[in-house]
Amino acid sequence: MLINNESGGCAIGGNMKTIAILGSCDTKYKEAAYMRELIEAQGLQVLVIDTATGPGPSYGYDISREELIEAGGSTWECLAPKTKGEKIGFMTQAVAKVTAKLYREGQIQGIISAGGLQNTVIATTAMQALPIGFPKVMATTVASGARIFDMVVGMKDIVVLPSICDFTGLNIVTRRMISNACACCAGMVKHAGKEVHKGDKPVVGVSLMGITNIGACAAVEELEKNGIEVLGFHATGVGGPVMENMAMDSLIDGILDLTTHEITAEYFKGGFSYTENLSDRILKLADKKIPLVISLGGLDFVDFTIREFPPRMDERVYMMHNTTTAHIKILPDEAKEVASLFVQRLNAIDYPVKLLIPTDGMRHNTREGEELYYKEVDSILIDIITANVKDNIEIITIEGNLDTIQWGKQAAHYMLKTLGVE
């Protein structure tokens, strides 16, 4: 392990669990020292990793910035003349590499950091490289205002604590925030936090939203009756990609992708369900040939707040989901584009896939007489998709609305057949 004890840090050893503290030990050394004190008082060991990129000296670290930079393939002498952005970019990747190595070697059992934007970017990038379930805590100034949440947590389970005050030293607020963050991380390390491992049951991921919840939950119940462990993923920008990543990590044996609404959000590049994580939605499954049963849940609408409404609202059918956000049926010309994007993604799969087509709506409130009924849009989506998918895509029509118990039960049995369970 990389260790530098000249600055007062101590080598890690024995059977005690260890929490890594990531921080700029030039400007945030007081906070790092306070975190060390609090965590050691919990009976745990500490490994302070200096992520500083400024010109001043650092204090109180166990792993120096020079050691990090060397592990990243350069030297401080080479990095020092570069721009601030270049230094932060390099340090971000170096810290992620070193913390991942410390995890693999069993040297750390938790990770924590506190700081502003620079510290948050560096620390949470490293945290995102660690597995789900491994304790990760970030106290940050960034967790407030109109921020994009995936900037901090990405697709991992990082516990985020708004710092209230900036970290300009220790005071009545920052002491309390740091104390709460340390207690959170120490509690997880001592009593709970372990990375996720599969059990003996086959595991299936199911995508759902409130608009497909009845059908999806019926599918979940039916799968569980047949001995399947089921993980539900909320298809609002992160759920689908997380589900696929877990499948790539061999934590999921099959995917029942009932709610592909994120494809529509990607086409619009906006709305509540949009993130930049969607550009390879579905595509990555081809590499590992994950058993896949897929449908069109939510492909027919977008979800925008009132202040972000898309153009042509006078032509659109929509309903308010709550006081600020509307569910908006897409228009026929948009349906053609969304269908083409869906086909492009699905046709990247080169192994057998079941495509389930509902005959009476892709979500609730879409049957005749209901708020989002627009038969032409549904027909365009279905006709283009079914006419253009490749021969390895088996098209299966299930009568009724996707968001119904009977529809969900039938979908579950197609998943069971795909897995060879029945």
Protein backbone atom coordinates (compact mmCIF):
# COMPACT_ATOMS: atom_id res chain seq x y z
CA MET A 1 0.00 0.00 0.00
CA LEU A 2 1.15 3.58 -0.63
CA ILE A 3 2.04 5.08 2.76
CA ASN A 4 3.95 8.22 3.73
CA ASN A 5 4.42 8.70 7.47
CA GLU A 6 6.65 11.79 7.44
CA SER A 7 3.66 14.11 7.89
CA GLY A 8 2.29 12.38 10.97
CA GLY A 9 0.13 9.67 9.44
CA CYS A 10 0.34 6.13 10.77
CA ALA A 11 0.66 2.87 8.90
CA ILE A 12 -2.45 0.70 8.69
CA GLY A 13 -2.31 -2.79 10.10
CA GLY A 14 -4.04 -5.43 12.20
CA ASN A 15 -7.62 -6.52 11.88
CA MET A 16 -9.29 -3.16 12.56
CA LYS A 17 -11.51 -1.80 9.82
CA THR A 18 -10.28 1.27 7.98
CA ILE A 19 -12.04 4.28 6.50
CA ALA A 20 -10.33 6.27 3.77
CA ILE A 21 -10.64 10.06 4.05
CA LEU A 22 -10.24 11.87 0.75
CA GLY A 23 -9.38 15.54 1.01
CA SER A 24 -7.19 18.42 -0.10
CA CYS A 25 -4.76 18.46 2.78
CA ASP A 26 -3.47 21.91 1.82
CA THR A 27 -6.73 23.83 2.34
CA LYS A 28 -8.86 21.22 4.15
CA TYR A 29 -6.29 19.71 6.52
CA LYS A 30 -8.18 20.93 9.60
CA GLU A 31 -11.34 19.18 8.44
CA ALA A 32 -9.37 16.01 7.60
CA ALA A 33 -7.74 16.01 11.03
CA TYR A 34 -11.11 16.43 12.72
CA MET A 35 -12.55 13.57 10.68
CA ARG A 36 -9.59 11.40 11.68
CA GLU A 37 -10.23 12.21 15.34
CA LEU A 38 -13.94 11.37 15.13
CA ILE A 39 -13.49 8.11 13.22
CA GLU A 40 -10.68 6.86 15.44
CA ALA A 41 -12.90 7.60 18.45
CA GLN A 42 -15.32 5.07 16.94
CA GLY A 43 -12.62 2.38 17.20
CA LEU A 44 -11.75 2.43 13.50
CA GLN A 45 -8.52 3.12 11.65
CA VAL A 46 -8.11 5.99 9.21
CA LEU A 47 -6.21 6.42 5.96
CA VAL A 48 -6.04 10.09 4.88
CA ILE A 49 -5.42 10.46 1.15
CA ASP A 50 -4.23 13.89 0.03
CA THR A 51 -5.95 15.02 -3.17
CA ALA A 52 -4.51 18.55 -3.20
CA THR A 53 -3.57 20.14 -6.52
CA GLY A 54 -2.55 23.61 -5.29
CA PRO A 55 1.01 24.91 -4.86
CA GLY A 56 1.00 25.08 -1.05
CA PRO A 57 2.15 22.41 1.40
CA SER A 58 -0.13 19.67 2.72
CA TYR A 59 -0.48 18.35 6.26
CA GLY A 60 -1.77 15.29 8.10
CA TYR A 61 -1.95 12.79 5.24
CA ASP A 62 -1.06 9.10 5.02
CA ILE A 63 -0.89 8.93 1.24
CA SER A 64 0.62 12.02 -0.38
CA ARG A 65 -0.47 13.72 -3.56
CA GLU A 66 2.93 12.87 -5.02
CA GLU A 67 2.30 9.16 -4.45
CA LEU A 68 -1.15 9.46 -6.06
CA ILE A 69 0.27 11.22 -9.08
CA GLU A 70 2.99 8.61 -9.45
CA ALA A 71 0.35 5.86 -9.29
CA GLY A 72 -1.47 7.72 -12.05
CA GLY A 73 1.62 7.64 -14.26
CA SER A 74 3.18 11.06 -13.81
CA THR A 75 5.08 13.19 -11.27
CA TRP A 76 4.23 16.32 -9.31
CA GLU A 77 7.01 18.16 -11.15
CA CYS A 78 5.32 17.39 -14.47
CA LEU A 79 1.84 18.17 -13.23
CA ALA A 80 2.55 21.38 -11.27
CA PRO A 81 2.89 23.73 -14.30
CA LYS A 82 -0.38 22.60 -15.88
CA THR A 83 -3.69 24.44 -15.62
CA LYS A 84 -5.98 23.94 -12.64
CA GLY A 85 -8.45 22.02 -14.79
CA GLU A 86 -5.75 19.71 -16.11
CA LYS A 87 -4.43 19.02 -12.62
CA ILE A 88 -7.90 18.30 -11.22
CA GLY A 89 -8.67 16.03 -14.18
CA PHE A 90 -5.50 14.03 -13.68
CA MET A 91 -5.90 13.85 -9.89
CA THR A 92 -9.51 12.70 -10.26
CA GLN A 93 -8.46 9.65 -12.26
CA ALA A 94 -5.42 8.93 -10.08
CA VAL A 95 -7.48 8.95 -6.87
CA ALA A 96 -10.08 6.65 -8.41
CA LYS A 97 -7.35 4.23 -9.47
CA VAL A 98 -5.68 4.17 -6.05
CA THR A 99 -8.90 3.83 -4.02
CA ALA A 100 -10.11 1.00 -6.26
CA LYS A 101 -6.78 -0.76 -5.68
CA LEU A 102 -7.04 -0.25 -1.90
CA TYR A 103 -10.53 -1.76 -2.01
CA ARG A 104 -9.45 -4.78 -4.06
CA GLU A 105 -6.62 -5.45 -1.62
CA GLY A 106 -8.98 -5.24 1.37
CA GLN A 107 -7.14 -2.22 2.77
CA ILE A 108 -10.27 -0.04 3.22
CA GLN A 109 -13.82 -0.84 4.33
CA GLY A 110 -15.36 2.62 3.87
CA ILE A 111 -14.69 6.01 2.29
CA ILE A 112 -15.64 9.58 3.21
CA SER A 113 -14.93 13.13 2.10
CA ALA A 114 -16.04 16.70 2.78
CA GLY A 115 -15.59 19.77 0.63
CA GLY A 116 -16.72 22.02 -2.18
CA LEU A 117 -16.93 21.40 -5.89
CA GLN A 118 -13.30 20.38 -6.50
CA ASN A 119 -13.20 17.97 -3.57
CA THR A 120 -16.63 16.63 -4.47
CA VAL A 121 -15.70 15.89 -8.08
CA ILE A 122 -12.46 14.15 -7.12
CA ALA A 123 -13.91 12.22 -4.17
CA THR A 124 -17.19 11.09 -5.72
CA THR A 125 -15.47 9.94 -8.92
CA ALA A 126 -13.40 7.63 -6.72
CA MET A 127 -16.50 6.54 -4.81
CA GLN A 128 -18.30 5.74 -8.05
CA ALA A 129 -15.51 3.30 -8.90
CA LEU A 130 -16.37 1.23 -5.80
CA PRO A 131 -19.09 -1.43 -5.67
CA ILE A 132 -22.68 -0.96 -4.57
CA GLY A 133 -23.00 -1.59 -0.84
CA PHE A 134 -19.49 -0.41 0.04
CA PRO A 135 -19.92 2.52 2.52
CA LYS A 136 -19.49 5.90 0.81
CA VAL A 137 -20.30 9.29 2.37
CA MET A 138 -19.87 12.78 0.89
CA ALA A 139 -20.53 16.00 2.83
CA THR A 140 -20.63 18.69 0.18
CA THR A 141 -21.56 22.27 -0.62
CA VAL A 142 -22.80 21.02 -3.99
CA ALA A 143 -25.84 19.23 -2.50
CA SER A 144 -28.09 22.29 -2.67
CA GLY A 145 -29.79 24.50 -5.21
CA ALA A 146 -30.54 23.48 -8.79
CA ARG A 147 -27.91 20.76 -9.06
CA ILE A 148 -27.93 17.65 -11.22
CA PHE A 149 -27.89 14.80 -8.72
CA ASP A 150 -25.93 12.38 -10.89
CA MET A 151 -23.05 14.85 -10.84
CA VAL A 152 -22.48 13.68 -7.25
CA VAL A 153 -23.72 10.11 -7.02
CA GLY A 154 -23.56 8.93 -10.63
CA MET A 155 -25.03 5.42 -10.60
CA LYS A 156 -23.76 4.40 -7.17
CA ASP A 157 -25.08 4.47 -3.59
CA ILE A 158 -23.21 7.49 -2.22
CA VAL A 159 -24.74 8.98 0.92
CA VAL A 160 -24.78 12.75 0.36
CA LEU A 161 -24.97 15.28 3.21
CA PRO A 162 -25.56 18.99 2.42
CA SER A 163 -22.85 20.86 4.31
CA ILE A 164 -24.93 24.05 4.87
CA CYS A 165 -21.73 26.11 5.29
CA ASP A 166 -18.66 26.05 3.08
CA PHE A 167 -15.63 24.28 4.49
CA THR A 168 -13.44 27.24 5.41
CA GLY A 169 -12.37 25.72 8.71
CA LEU A 170 -14.12 24.33 11.77
CA ASN A 171 -17.10 26.15 13.28
CA ILE A 172 -20.41 25.36 14.98
CA VAL A 173 -21.96 24.19 11.68
CA THR A 174 -19.08 22.39 9.92
CA ARG A 175 -18.18 20.50 13.10
CA ARG A 176 -21.73 19.19 13.30
CA MET A 177 -21.95 18.30 9.61
CA ILE A 178 -18.59 16.52 9.68
CA SER A 179 -19.54 14.73 12.89
CA ASN A 180 -22.81 13.52 11.34
CA ALA A 181 -21.04 12.37 8.18
CA CYS A 182 -18.37 10.49 10.14
CA ALA A 183 -20.96 8.84 12.37
CA CYS A 184 -22.88 7.76 9.26
CA CYS A 185 -19.83 6.21 7.59
CA ALA A 186 -18.53 4.62 10.79
CA GLY A 187 -21.95 3.14 11.52
CA MET A 188 -22.14 1.56 8.10
CA VAL A 189 -18.62 0.17 8.31
CA LYS A 190 -19.14 -1.28 11.79
CA HIS A 191 -22.66 -2.61 11.48
CA ALA A 192 -23.85 -2.94 7.88
CA GLY A 193 -21.85 -1.94 4.87
CA LYS A 194 -20.83 -4.76 2.58
CA GLU A 195 -20.84 -4.89 -1.19
CA VAL A 196 -23.76 -6.62 -2.87
CA HIS A 197 -23.35 -10.32 -3.68
CA LYS A 198 -25.78 -12.67 -5.37
CA GLY A 199 -27.45 -15.43 -3.42
CA ASP A 200 -28.57 -18.82 -4.69
CA LYS A 201 -31.67 -17.60 -6.54
CA PRO A 202 -31.63 -16.36 -10.14
CA VAL A 203 -31.88 -12.54 -10.21
CA VAL A 204 -34.03 -10.55 -12.64
CA GLY A 205 -34.07 -6.77 -13.05
CA VAL A 206 -37.44 -5.15 -13.83
CA SER A 207 -37.78 -1.54 -15.02
CA LEU A 208 -40.81 0.39 -13.83
CA MET A 209 -42.29 3.80 -13.08
CA GLY A 210 -45.47 4.95 -11.40
CA ILE A 211 -47.15 4.85 -14.82
CA THR A 212 -46.34 1.13 -15.24
CA ASN A 213 -46.31 0.19 -11.56
CA ILE A 214 -49.39 -2.05 -11.52
CA GLY A 215 -48.21 -4.20 -14.42
CA ALA A 216 -44.60 -4.27 -13.27
CA CYS A 217 -45.45 -5.16 -9.67
CA ALA A 218 -47.69 -7.98 -10.90
CA ALA A 219 -44.72 -9.26 -12.91
CA VAL A 220 -42.48 -8.99 -9.85
CA GLU A 221 -44.91 -10.96 -7.73
CA GLU A 222 -45.25 -13.66 -10.37
CA LEU A 223 -41.49 -13.98 -10.75
CA GLU A 224 -41.02 -14.22 -6.99
CA LYS A 225 -43.65 -16.98 -6.80
CA ASN A 226 -41.44 -18.93 -9.18
CA GLY A 227 -38.28 -18.62 -7.10
CA ILE A 228 -36.76 -15.54 -8.72
CA GLU A 229 -35.06 -12.73 -6.80
CA VAL A 230 -36.32 -9.48 -8.36
CA LEU A 231 -34.72 -6.03 -8.37
CA GLY A 232 -36.92 -3.10 -9.42
CA PHE A 233 -35.36 -0.09 -11.17
CA HIS A 234 -37.10 3.28 -11.51
CA ALA A 235 -36.78 4.20 -15.18
CA THR A 236 -36.19 7.91 -14.70
CA GLY A 237 -32.76 8.44 -16.19
CA VAL A 238 -30.60 6.32 -13.91
CA GLY A 239 -32.63 3.18 -13.22
CA GLY A 240 -32.22 1.62 -16.64
CA PRO A 241 -28.45 2.22 -16.88
CA VAL A 242 -27.92 0.96 -13.31
CA MET A 243 -29.89 -2.19 -14.10
CA GLU A 244 -27.78 -2.81 -17.18
CA ASN A 245 -24.52 -2.12 -15.33
CA MET A 246 -25.46 -4.63 -12.64
CA ALA A 247 -26.19 -7.18 -15.35
CA MET A 248 -22.76 -6.51 -16.86
CA ASP A 249 -21.26 -7.05 -13.40
CA SER A 250 -22.99 -10.48 -13.23
CA LEU A 251 -25.32 -9.40 -10.42
CA ILE A 252 -28.40 -9.83 -12.64
CA ASP A 253 -29.18 -12.95 -14.69
CA GLY A 254 -31.98 -11.54 -16.85
CA ILE A 255 -33.76 -8.27 -17.62
CA LEU A 256 -37.50 -7.71 -17.92
CA ASP A 257 -37.31 -4.20 -19.39
CA LEU A 258 -40.97 -3.28 -19.25
CA THR A 259 -40.42 0.48 -19.05
CA THR A 260 -38.23 1.89 -21.80
CA HIS A 261 -39.42 5.48 -21.27
CA GLU A 262 -35.79 6.62 -20.92
CA ILE A 263 -35.35 6.18 -24.68
CA THR A 264 -37.97 8.90 -25.23
CA ALA A 265 -36.30 11.15 -22.66
CA GLU A 266 -33.03 10.66 -24.52
CA TYR A 267 -34.65 11.68 -27.81
CA PHE A 268 -35.99 14.90 -26.24
CA LYS A 269 -32.74 15.48 -24.30
CA GLY A 270 -34.79 16.83 -21.45
CA GLY A 271 -37.50 16.22 -18.91
CA PHE A 272 -37.51 14.64 -15.47
CA SER A 273 -36.32 11.29 -16.82
CA TYR A 274 -33.34 12.58 -18.82
CA THR A 275 -29.69 12.17 -17.89
CA GLU A 276 -26.54 11.92 -19.96
CA ASN A 277 -26.20 8.27 -18.90
CA LEU A 278 -28.69 7.16 -21.54
CA SER A 279 -26.58 7.21 -24.69
CA ASP A 280 -25.84 3.48 -24.49
CA ARG A 281 -29.19 2.37 -23.06
CA ILE A 282 -29.76 -1.25 -24.23
CA LEU A 283 -26.56 -1.27 -26.34
CA LYS A 284 -24.21 -2.62 -23.67
CA LEU A 285 -26.31 -5.76 -23.16
CA ALA A 286 -25.10 -7.13 -26.47
CA ASP A 287 -21.59 -7.70 -25.15
CA LYS A 288 -22.66 -10.13 -22.44
CA LYS A 289 -25.81 -11.56 -24.07
CA ILE A 290 -28.01 -10.87 -21.05
CA PRO A 291 -31.36 -12.69 -21.38
CA LEU A 292 -33.76 -9.91 -22.34
CA VAL A 293 -37.53 -9.51 -22.48
CA ILE A 294 -38.41 -5.95 -23.43
CA SER A 295 -41.51 -3.83 -23.95
CA LEU A 296 -42.66 -0.30 -24.71
CA GLY A 297 -43.69 1.01 -21.29
CA GLY A 298 -43.74 4.81 -21.24
CA LEU A 299 -42.28 5.12 -24.72
CA ASP A 300 -45.22 7.34 -25.68
CA PHE A 301 -44.71 10.33 -23.34
CA VAL A 302 -42.26 12.82 -21.84
CA ASP A 303 -42.28 14.47 -18.41
CA PHE A 304 -41.48 18.19 -18.25
CA THR A 305 -42.00 20.81 -15.57
CA ILE A 306 -44.28 23.72 -16.39
CA ARG A 307 -41.35 26.11 -16.87
CA GLU A 308 -39.64 23.69 -19.28
CA PHE A 309 -42.55 22.74 -21.54
CA PRO A 310 -41.44 21.70 -25.05
CA PRO A 311 -42.63 23.61 -28.14
CA ARG A 312 -46.02 22.99 -29.76
CA MET A 313 -47.92 22.60 -26.50
CA ASP A 314 -51.06 23.80 -28.29
CA GLU A 315 -50.93 20.56 -30.33
CA ARG A 316 -50.21 18.26 -27.40
CA VAL A 317 -52.29 16.02 -25.18
CA TYR A 318 -51.07 16.18 -21.59
CA MET A 319 -52.04 15.79 -17.95
CA MET A 320 -50.52 17.18 -14.76
CA HIS A 321 -48.64 14.54 -12.79
CA ASN A 322 -48.33 16.91 -9.83
CA THR A 323 -48.40 20.67 -9.32
CA THR A 324 -45.17 21.25 -11.27
CA THR A 325 -44.69 18.37 -13.73
CA ALA A 326 -46.80 17.25 -16.67
CA HIS A 327 -46.94 13.94 -18.53
CA ILE A 328 -47.07 14.91 -22.19
CA LYS A 329 -48.02 12.55 -25.01
CA ILE A 330 -45.52 12.79 -27.85
CA LEU A 331 -46.70 13.89 -31.32
CA PRO A 332 -46.92 11.61 -34.38
CA ASP A 333 -43.75 12.97 -36.04
CA GLU A 334 -41.88 12.55 -32.75
CA ALA A 335 -43.22 9.03 -32.41
CA LYS A 336 -41.57 8.13 -35.72
CA GLU A 337 -38.19 9.35 -34.45
CA VAL A 338 -38.53 7.68 -31.04
CA ALA A 339 -39.52 4.41 -32.71
CA SER A 340 -36.47 4.60 -34.98
CA LEU A 341 -34.18 5.20 -32.01
CA PHE A 342 -35.72 2.25 -30.17
CA VAL A 343 -35.24 0.01 -33.24
CA GLN A 344 -31.63 1.14 -33.63
CA ARG A 345 -30.87 0.20 -30.02
CA LEU A 346 -32.72 -3.12 -30.10
CA ASN A 347 -31.17 -4.16 -33.40
CA ALA A 348 -27.72 -3.90 -31.81
CA ILE A 349 -28.63 -7.07 -29.91
CA ASP A 350 -27.57 -10.15 -31.89
CA TYR A 351 -29.09 -12.91 -29.75
CA PRO A 352 -32.73 -13.99 -29.22
CA VAL A 353 -34.88 -11.34 -27.50
CA LYS A 354 -38.61 -11.28 -26.75
CA LEU A 355 -40.41 -8.01 -27.57
CA LEU A 356 -43.78 -7.69 -25.83
CA ILE A 357 -46.34 -5.45 -27.54
CA PRO A 358 -49.42 -4.20 -25.60
CA THR A 359 -52.55 -3.66 -27.67
CA ASP A 360 -54.27 -1.05 -25.50
CA GLY A 361 -51.72 1.41 -24.18
CA MET A 362 -48.13 1.55 -22.99
CA ARG A 363 -48.91 3.04 -19.56
CA HIS A 364 -51.92 3.98 -17.50
CA ASN A 365 -54.28 6.80 -18.59
CA THR A 366 -53.85 5.87 -22.26
CA ARG A 367 -57.01 3.89 -23.00
CA GLU A 368 -59.91 5.39 -24.93
CA GLY A 369 -61.58 8.11 -22.89
CA GLU A 370 -58.54 8.61 -20.63
CA GLU A 371 -56.35 11.73 -20.47
CA LEU A 372 -53.41 10.53 -22.59
CA TYR A 373 -55.31 8.52 -25.19
CA TYR A 374 -53.81 9.17 -28.64
CA LYS A 375 -54.25 6.07 -30.78
CA GLU A 376 -52.30 7.42 -33.77
CA VAL A 377 -49.13 7.85 -31.68
CA ASP A 378 -49.40 4.35 -30.21
CA SER A 379 -49.95 2.85 -33.65
CA ILE A 380 -46.97 4.67 -35.17
CA LEU A 381 -44.66 3.45 -32.41
CA ILE A 382 -45.84 -0.15 -32.68
CA ASP A 383 -45.95 -0.29 -36.48
CA ILE A 384 -42.46 1.14 -37.03
CA ILE A 385 -40.88 -0.96 -34.30
CA THR A 386 -42.47 -4.27 -35.31
CA ALA A 387 -41.74 -3.67 -39.01
CA ASN A 388 -38.06 -2.89 -38.53
CA VAL A 389 -36.60 -5.07 -35.78
CA LYS A 390 -34.32 -7.92 -36.86
CA ASP A 391 -35.32 -11.56 -37.08
CA ASN A 392 -33.72 -12.44 -33.73
CA ILE A 393 -36.32 -10.23 -32.03
CA GLU A 394 -39.42 -12.36 -31.36
CA ILE A 395 -42.51 -10.13 -31.44
CA ILE A 396 -45.18 -11.23 -28.96
CA THR A 397 -48.52 -9.42 -28.70
CA ILE A 398 -50.21 -9.36 -25.30
CA GLU A 399 -53.79 -8.12 -25.26
CA GLY A 400 -54.64 -5.17 -23.04
CA ASN A 401 -52.88 -2.27 -21.35
CA LEU A 402 -49.32 -2.79 -20.11
CA ASP A 403 -50.17 -1.34 -16.71
CA THR A 404 -52.55 -4.10 -15.64
CA ILE A 405 -52.16 -7.16 -13.43
CA GLN A 406 -52.94 -9.69 -16.14
CA TRP A 407 -50.54 -8.09 -18.59
CA GLY A 408 -47.74 -8.07 -16.02
CA LYS A 409 -48.29 -11.71 -15.10
CA GLN A 410 -48.03 -12.78 -18.73
CA ALA A 411 -44.85 -10.72 -19.17
CA ALA A 412 -43.33 -12.50 -16.17
CA HIS A 413 -43.93 -15.91 -17.71
CA TYR A 414 -42.15 -14.88 -20.90
CA MET A 415 -39.18 -13.91 -18.72
CA LEU A 416 -39.33 -17.30 -16.99
CA LYS A 417 -39.32 -19.04 -20.36
CA THR A 418 -36.34 -16.98 -21.50
CA LEU A 419 -34.43 -18.01 -18.39
CA GLY A 420 -35.40 -21.67 -18.96
CA VAL A 421 -37.22 -21.81 -15.61
CA GLU A 422 -40.46 -23.00 -17.24
